[in-house]
N, C-alpha and C. Protein backbone atom coordinates (compact mmCIF):
# COMPACT_ATOMS: atom_id res chain seq x y z
N MET A 1 -21.89 -7.36 67.75
CA MET A 1 -21.69 -8.58 66.99
C MET A 1 -22.94 -8.61 66.20
N TYR A 2 -22.79 -9.40 65.39
CA TYR A 2 -23.88 -9.58 64.03
C TYR A 2 -24.80 -10.67 64.57
N PRO A 3 -26.13 -10.60 64.88
CA PRO A 3 -26.91 -11.60 65.11
C PRO A 3 -27.07 -12.90 64.36
N GLU A 4 -26.96 -12.31 62.83
CA GLU A 4 -27.15 -13.41 61.91
C GLU A 4 -25.76 -14.22 61.64
N ARG A 5 -24.46 -13.72 62.39
CA ARG A 5 -23.41 -14.50 62.24
C ARG A 5 -23.02 -15.35 63.39
N GLN A 6 -22.57 -16.58 63.08
CA GLN A 6 -22.17 -17.43 64.31
C GLN A 6 -20.98 -18.06 64.02
N GLY A 7 -19.87 -17.56 64.65
CA GLY A 7 -18.73 -18.36 64.78
C GLY A 7 -17.90 -17.73 63.27
N GLY A 8 -18.27 -16.70 63.01
CA GLY A 8 -17.58 -15.96 61.98
C GLY A 8 -18.45 -16.47 60.61
N VAL A 9 -19.29 -17.17 60.51
CA VAL A 9 -20.31 -17.70 59.21
C VAL A 9 -21.41 -17.10 59.31
N ASN A 10 -21.72 -16.29 58.03
CA ASN A 10 -22.99 -15.74 57.76
C ASN A 10 -24.35 -16.78 57.90
N MET A 11 -25.06 -16.93 58.77
CA MET A 11 -26.36 -17.92 59.07
C MET A 11 -27.12 -17.92 57.96
N ASN A 12 -26.92 -17.08 57.02
CA ASN A 12 -28.05 -17.16 55.96
C ASN A 12 -27.75 -17.69 54.70
N GLU A 13 -26.29 -18.02 54.75
CA GLU A 13 -25.65 -18.91 53.69
C GLU A 13 -26.10 -20.42 53.61
N PRO A 14 -26.17 -21.05 52.52
CA PRO A 14 -26.43 -22.43 52.74
C PRO A 14 -24.98 -23.31 53.42
N LYS A 15 -25.10 -24.43 53.78
CA LYS A 15 -24.13 -25.22 54.62
C LYS A 15 -23.40 -25.55 53.26
N LYS A 16 -22.19 -25.71 53.34
CA LYS A 16 -21.07 -26.05 52.60
C LYS A 16 -20.52 -27.22 53.15
N LEU A 17 -20.23 -28.35 52.20
CA LEU A 17 -19.21 -29.52 52.80
C LEU A 17 -17.92 -29.28 52.50
N TYR A 18 -16.89 -29.48 53.35
CA TYR A 18 -15.57 -29.32 53.27
C TYR A 18 -14.81 -30.34 53.86
N ARG A 19 -13.63 -30.48 54.01
CA ARG A 19 -12.77 -30.97 54.73
C ARG A 19 -12.02 -30.21 55.63
N ILE A 20 -11.83 -30.57 56.84
CA ILE A 20 -11.05 -30.07 57.87
C ILE A 20 -9.50 -30.06 57.69
N GLU A 21 -8.96 -29.10 58.27
CA GLU A 21 -7.52 -29.19 58.42
C GLU A 21 -7.08 -29.43 59.79
N GLN A 22 -7.44 -28.86 61.01
CA GLN A 22 -7.17 -28.91 62.04
C GLN A 22 -7.74 -29.86 62.90
N GLY A 23 -7.22 -30.92 63.21
CA GLY A 23 -7.82 -32.03 63.87
C GLY A 23 -7.93 -33.16 62.89
N ALA A 24 -7.45 -32.74 61.72
CA ALA A 24 -7.81 -34.19 60.62
C ALA A 24 -6.91 -35.34 61.04
N LYS A 25 -7.39 -36.40 60.76
CA LYS A 25 -6.47 -38.04 60.86
C LYS A 25 -5.77 -38.13 59.60
N LEU A 26 -6.53 -38.36 58.47
CA LEU A 26 -6.13 -38.43 57.36
C LEU A 26 -6.13 -37.24 56.48
N PHE A 27 -7.24 -37.02 55.63
CA PHE A 27 -7.44 -35.96 54.73
C PHE A 27 -8.33 -34.96 55.48
N GLY A 28 -9.14 -35.23 56.43
CA GLY A 28 -10.17 -34.39 57.22
C GLY A 28 -11.40 -34.39 56.55
N VAL A 29 -11.69 -35.81 55.61
CA VAL A 29 -12.92 -35.90 55.09
C VAL A 29 -13.96 -36.17 56.02
N CYS A 30 -13.69 -37.06 57.08
CA CYS A 30 -14.72 -37.74 58.19
C CYS A 30 -15.13 -36.31 59.06
N GLY A 31 -13.98 -35.47 59.33
CA GLY A 31 -14.22 -34.52 59.99
C GLY A 31 -14.91 -33.37 59.54
N GLY A 32 -14.82 -33.11 58.24
CA GLY A 32 -15.75 -32.19 57.46
C GLY A 32 -17.17 -32.75 57.46
N ILE A 33 -17.27 -33.82 57.20
CA ILE A 33 -18.82 -34.59 57.25
C ILE A 33 -19.49 -34.44 58.53
N ALA A 34 -18.72 -34.59 59.63
CA ALA A 34 -19.17 -34.73 61.12
C ALA A 34 -19.61 -33.11 61.37
N GLU A 35 -18.67 -32.23 60.76
CA GLU A 35 -19.15 -30.77 61.12
C GLU A 35 -20.33 -30.35 60.42
N TYR A 36 -20.41 -30.88 59.00
CA TYR A 36 -21.81 -30.56 58.28
C TYR A 36 -23.04 -30.99 59.02
N PHE A 37 -22.81 -32.12 59.42
CA PHE A 37 -24.15 -32.80 60.30
C PHE A 37 -24.07 -32.51 61.57
N ASN A 38 -23.08 -31.67 62.38
CA ASN A 38 -22.85 -31.57 63.66
C ASN A 38 -22.89 -32.38 64.53
N ILE A 39 -22.17 -33.68 64.35
CA ILE A 39 -21.90 -34.78 65.01
C ILE A 39 -20.64 -34.99 65.38
N ASP A 40 -20.28 -35.90 66.29
CA ASP A 40 -18.97 -36.25 66.50
C ASP A 40 -18.26 -36.92 65.34
N ALA A 41 -16.89 -36.47 65.41
CA ALA A 41 -16.10 -36.93 64.07
C ALA A 41 -15.69 -38.32 64.48
N ASN A 42 -15.44 -38.94 65.54
CA ASN A 42 -15.12 -40.17 65.78
C ASN A 42 -16.27 -40.94 65.25
N LEU A 43 -17.49 -40.74 65.57
CA LEU A 43 -18.76 -41.67 65.24
C LEU A 43 -18.58 -41.45 63.67
N VAL A 44 -18.53 -40.53 62.86
CA VAL A 44 -18.29 -40.67 61.46
C VAL A 44 -17.47 -41.50 60.84
N ARG A 45 -15.73 -41.39 61.79
CA ARG A 45 -15.11 -42.23 61.52
C ARG A 45 -15.36 -43.73 61.51
N LEU A 46 -15.85 -43.94 62.55
CA LEU A 46 -16.37 -45.25 62.84
C LEU A 46 -17.20 -45.96 61.98
N ILE A 47 -18.34 -45.34 61.55
CA ILE A 47 -19.26 -45.57 60.74
C ILE A 47 -18.70 -45.85 59.34
N TRP A 48 -17.94 -44.98 59.07
CA TRP A 48 -17.09 -45.10 57.79
C TRP A 48 -16.27 -46.47 57.71
N VAL A 49 -15.40 -46.94 58.65
CA VAL A 49 -14.74 -47.97 58.91
C VAL A 49 -15.72 -49.43 58.85
N VAL A 50 -16.77 -49.25 59.84
CA VAL A 50 -17.63 -50.39 59.54
C VAL A 50 -18.29 -50.45 58.31
N LEU A 51 -18.83 -49.69 57.70
CA LEU A 51 -19.29 -49.61 56.16
C LEU A 51 -18.41 -50.34 55.19
N SER A 52 -17.10 -49.86 55.49
CA SER A 52 -16.30 -50.19 54.62
C SER A 52 -15.76 -51.69 54.81
N LEU A 53 -15.68 -52.00 56.05
CA LEU A 53 -15.56 -53.51 56.28
C LEU A 53 -16.67 -54.45 55.79
N LEU A 54 -17.82 -53.85 55.79
CA LEU A 54 -19.19 -54.70 55.68
C LEU A 54 -19.23 -54.81 53.95
N THR A 55 -18.66 -53.72 53.47
CA THR A 55 -18.52 -53.96 51.98
C THR A 55 -17.44 -54.31 51.62
N VAL A 56 -17.07 -54.09 50.44
CA VAL A 56 -15.68 -54.40 49.88
C VAL A 56 -14.48 -53.15 50.33
N VAL A 57 -13.57 -53.47 51.30
CA VAL A 57 -12.97 -52.38 51.88
C VAL A 57 -12.11 -51.46 50.80
N VAL A 58 -11.81 -51.83 49.53
CA VAL A 58 -11.12 -50.91 48.60
C VAL A 58 -12.54 -49.95 48.38
N THR A 59 -13.68 -50.12 48.22
CA THR A 59 -14.68 -49.41 47.77
C THR A 59 -14.43 -48.23 48.62
N GLY A 60 -14.53 -48.34 50.28
CA GLY A 60 -14.53 -47.32 51.22
C GLY A 60 -13.09 -46.47 50.94
N VAL A 61 -12.19 -47.24 50.61
CA VAL A 61 -10.81 -46.55 50.31
C VAL A 61 -10.80 -45.56 49.16
N VAL A 62 -11.59 -46.17 48.23
CA VAL A 62 -11.65 -45.38 47.05
C VAL A 62 -12.66 -44.30 47.15
N LEU A 63 -13.72 -44.46 47.79
CA LEU A 63 -14.69 -43.32 48.04
C LEU A 63 -14.05 -42.01 48.79
N TYR A 64 -13.23 -42.54 49.74
CA TYR A 64 -12.58 -41.62 50.59
C TYR A 64 -11.67 -40.88 49.95
N LEU A 65 -10.93 -41.50 49.00
CA LEU A 65 -9.78 -40.76 48.39
C LEU A 65 -10.66 -39.88 47.17
N ILE A 66 -11.47 -40.36 46.73
CA ILE A 66 -12.34 -39.16 45.68
C ILE A 66 -12.84 -38.09 46.58
N ALA A 67 -13.46 -38.31 47.75
CA ALA A 67 -13.79 -37.33 48.51
C ALA A 67 -12.75 -36.32 48.76
N ALA A 68 -11.58 -36.85 49.22
CA ALA A 68 -10.48 -35.92 49.68
C ALA A 68 -10.02 -35.19 48.45
N LEU A 69 -10.08 -35.63 47.38
CA LEU A 69 -9.59 -34.68 45.94
C LEU A 69 -10.71 -33.89 45.92
N LEU A 70 -12.08 -34.12 46.02
CA LEU A 70 -13.00 -33.06 45.42
C LEU A 70 -13.42 -32.10 46.42
N LEU A 71 -13.25 -32.66 47.70
CA LEU A 71 -13.83 -31.90 48.71
C LEU A 71 -12.99 -30.59 48.93
N PRO A 72 -13.42 -29.20 49.10
CA PRO A 72 -12.32 -28.11 49.27
C PRO A 72 -11.97 -28.03 50.69
N LYS A 73 -10.83 -27.51 51.02
CA LYS A 73 -10.47 -27.40 52.54
C LYS A 73 -11.53 -26.01 53.05
N LYS A 74 -11.75 -26.58 54.45
CA LYS A 74 -12.28 -25.25 55.19
C LYS A 74 -12.01 -23.87 54.70
N SER A 75 -10.65 -23.84 55.00
CA SER A 75 -10.10 -22.45 54.64
C SER A 75 -10.33 -21.81 53.48
N ASP A 76 -10.41 -22.78 52.30
CA ASP A 76 -10.95 -22.46 50.92
C ASP A 76 -12.33 -21.89 51.18
N VAL A 77 -12.98 -22.64 51.55
CA VAL A 77 -14.49 -22.27 51.73
C VAL A 77 -14.84 -21.01 52.67
N TYR A 78 -14.41 -21.13 53.71
CA TYR A 78 -14.47 -20.12 54.56
C TYR A 78 -12.94 -19.35 55.03
N PRO A 79 -12.67 -18.23 54.09
CA PRO A 79 -11.51 -17.70 54.61
C PRO A 79 -11.21 -17.25 55.83
N GLY A 80 -10.02 -17.37 56.62
CA GLY A 80 -9.83 -17.13 57.99
C GLY A 80 -9.89 -18.10 59.06
N TYR A 81 -10.16 -19.14 58.58
CA TYR A 81 -10.19 -20.52 59.67
C TYR A 81 -8.85 -21.12 59.22
């Protein structure tokens, strides 16, 4: 196996933000953010909900939908996933 590769991803490439398809609750935005920062997806979801409730709820929903439209799927960024 290649030492510079881990999980089929070249470790020399910069990290890319994407949304996940497997394990997604809605559009996979929080799961993709969690994978990017290497933290639990439920923690990201909880933070998203709390921040949405502390601000105007519509803002959180709109930002989520924008992210869902702009972020590519993981399979588009890393073919084979």
